[in-house]
C-alpha atoms as a PDB file:
ATOM      1  CA  SER A   1      81.406 -19.403  23.979  1.00  0.00           C
ATOM      2  CA  TYR A   2      83.952 -21.420  25.174  1.00  0.00           C
ATOM      3  CA  ILE A   3      87.514 -20.203  26.768  1.00  0.00           C
ATOM      4  CA  PRO A   4      91.022 -21.802  27.408  1.00  0.00           C
ATOM      5  CA  GLU A   5      91.424 -23.094  31.051  1.00  0.00           C
ATOM      6  CA  GLY A   6      94.021 -24.041  33.303  1.00  0.00           C
ATOM      7  CA  LEU A   7      97.300 -24.697  31.153  1.00  0.00           C
ATOM      8  CA  MET A   8      95.827 -23.555  28.090  1.00  0.00           C
ATOM      9  CA  THR A   9      95.489 -27.188  27.009  1.00  0.00           C
ATOM     10  CA  SER A  10      92.180 -27.686  27.134  1.00  0.00           C
ATOM     11  CA  CYS A  11      88.802 -25.488  26.728  1.00  0.00           C
ATOM     12  CA  THR A  12      85.873 -25.158  28.755  1.00  0.00           C
ATOM     13  CA  TRP A  13      82.405 -23.144  28.807  1.00  0.00           C
ATOM     14  CA  ASP A  14      82.864 -19.544  29.762  1.00  0.00           C
ATOM     15  CA  TYR A  15      81.515 -19.807  33.575  1.00  0.00           C
ATOM     16  CA  VAL A  16      83.785 -16.729  34.694  1.00  0.00           C
ATOM     17  CA  SER A  17      81.999 -13.959  31.944  1.00  0.00           C
ATOM     18  CA  PRO A  18      79.413 -12.242  34.105  1.00  0.00           C
ATOM     19  CA  SER A  19      77.251 -11.695  30.902  1.00  0.00           C
ATOM     20  CA  PRO A  20      73.001 -13.379  31.202  1.00  0.00           C
ATOM     21  CA  VAL A  21      73.583 -16.023  28.191  1.00  0.00           C
ATOM     22  CA  ASN A  22      76.910 -17.491  30.082  1.00  0.00           C
ATOM     23  CA  LYS A  23      75.000 -17.326  33.190  1.00  0.00           C
ATOM     24  CA  SER A  24      72.102 -18.769  32.481  1.00  0.00           C
ATOM     25  CA  TYR A  25      73.841 -21.722  30.348  1.00  0.00           C
ATOM     26  CA  THR A  26      75.558 -22.238  33.345  1.00  0.00           C
ATOM     27  CA  MET A  27      72.104 -22.330  35.616  1.00  0.00           C
ATOM     28  CA  MET A  28      70.600 -24.748  33.120  1.00  0.00           C
ATOM     29  CA  LEU A  29      73.891 -27.063  33.011  1.00  0.00           C
ATOM     30  CA  CYS A  30      73.631 -27.317  36.610  1.00  0.00           C
ATOM     31  CA  CYS A  31      69.777 -28.301  36.635  1.00  0.00           C
ATOM     32  CA  PHE A  32      70.210 -30.670  33.894  1.00  0.00           C
ATOM     33  CA  VAL A  33      72.746 -32.520  34.238  1.00  0.00           C
ATOM     34  CA  PHE A  34      73.170 -32.545  38.440  1.00  0.00           C
ATOM     35  CA  PHE A  35      69.886 -31.477  40.350  1.00  0.00           C
ATOM     36  CA  ILE A  36      67.709 -33.687  38.011  1.00  0.00           C
ATOM     37  CA  PRO A  37      69.379 -36.724  37.538  1.00  0.00           C
ATOM     38  CA  LEU A  38      70.252 -36.422  41.142  1.00  0.00           C
ATOM     39  CA  ALA A  39      66.101 -35.734  42.073  1.00  0.00           C
ATOM     40  CA  ILE A  40      65.643 -38.797  39.815  1.00  0.00           C
ATOM     41  CA  ILE A  41      67.934 -40.977  41.910  1.00  0.00           C
ATOM     42  CA  LEU A  42      66.605 -40.086  45.119  1.00  0.00           C
ATOM     43  CA  TYR A  43      62.763 -40.817  44.004  1.00  0.00           C
ATOM     44  CA  CYS A  44      64.056 -44.278  42.832  1.00  0.00           C
ATOM     45  CA  TYR A  45      65.845 -45.142  46.123  1.00  0.00           C
ATOM     46  CA  LEU A  46      63.027 -44.051  48.228  1.00  0.00           C
ATOM     47  CA  PHE A  47      60.625 -46.200  46.581  1.00  0.00           C
ATOM     48  CA  MET A  48      63.084 -49.149  46.583  1.00  0.00           C
ATOM     49  CA  PHE A  49      63.800 -48.506  50.089  1.00  0.00           C
ATOM     50  CA  LEU A  50      59.742 -48.601  50.721  1.00  0.00           C
ATOM     51  CA  SER A  51      59.527 -51.733  48.924  1.00  0.00           C
ATOM     52  CA  VAL A  52      62.251 -53.679  50.614  1.00  0.00           C
ATOM     53  CA  ARG A  53      60.617 -52.246  54.185  1.00  0.00           C
ATOM     54  CA  LYS A  54      57.409 -53.025  52.906  1.00  0.00           C
ATOM     55  CA  ALA A  55      58.178 -56.573  51.775  1.00  0.00           C
ATOM     56  CA  SER A  56      60.283 -57.430  55.327  1.00  0.00           C
END
């Protein structure tokens, strides 16, 4: 569900409500939008670093 935020000019997902559905949505959003891309970026940078280090 969505709720108005701030000055009531925009909406956001309901991260304040303590219901299990909202908590699980917030956790899944954090995982799929932040942590998984971060892990992919770090993995790629690690192998780029190792390739450059090996070549020089």
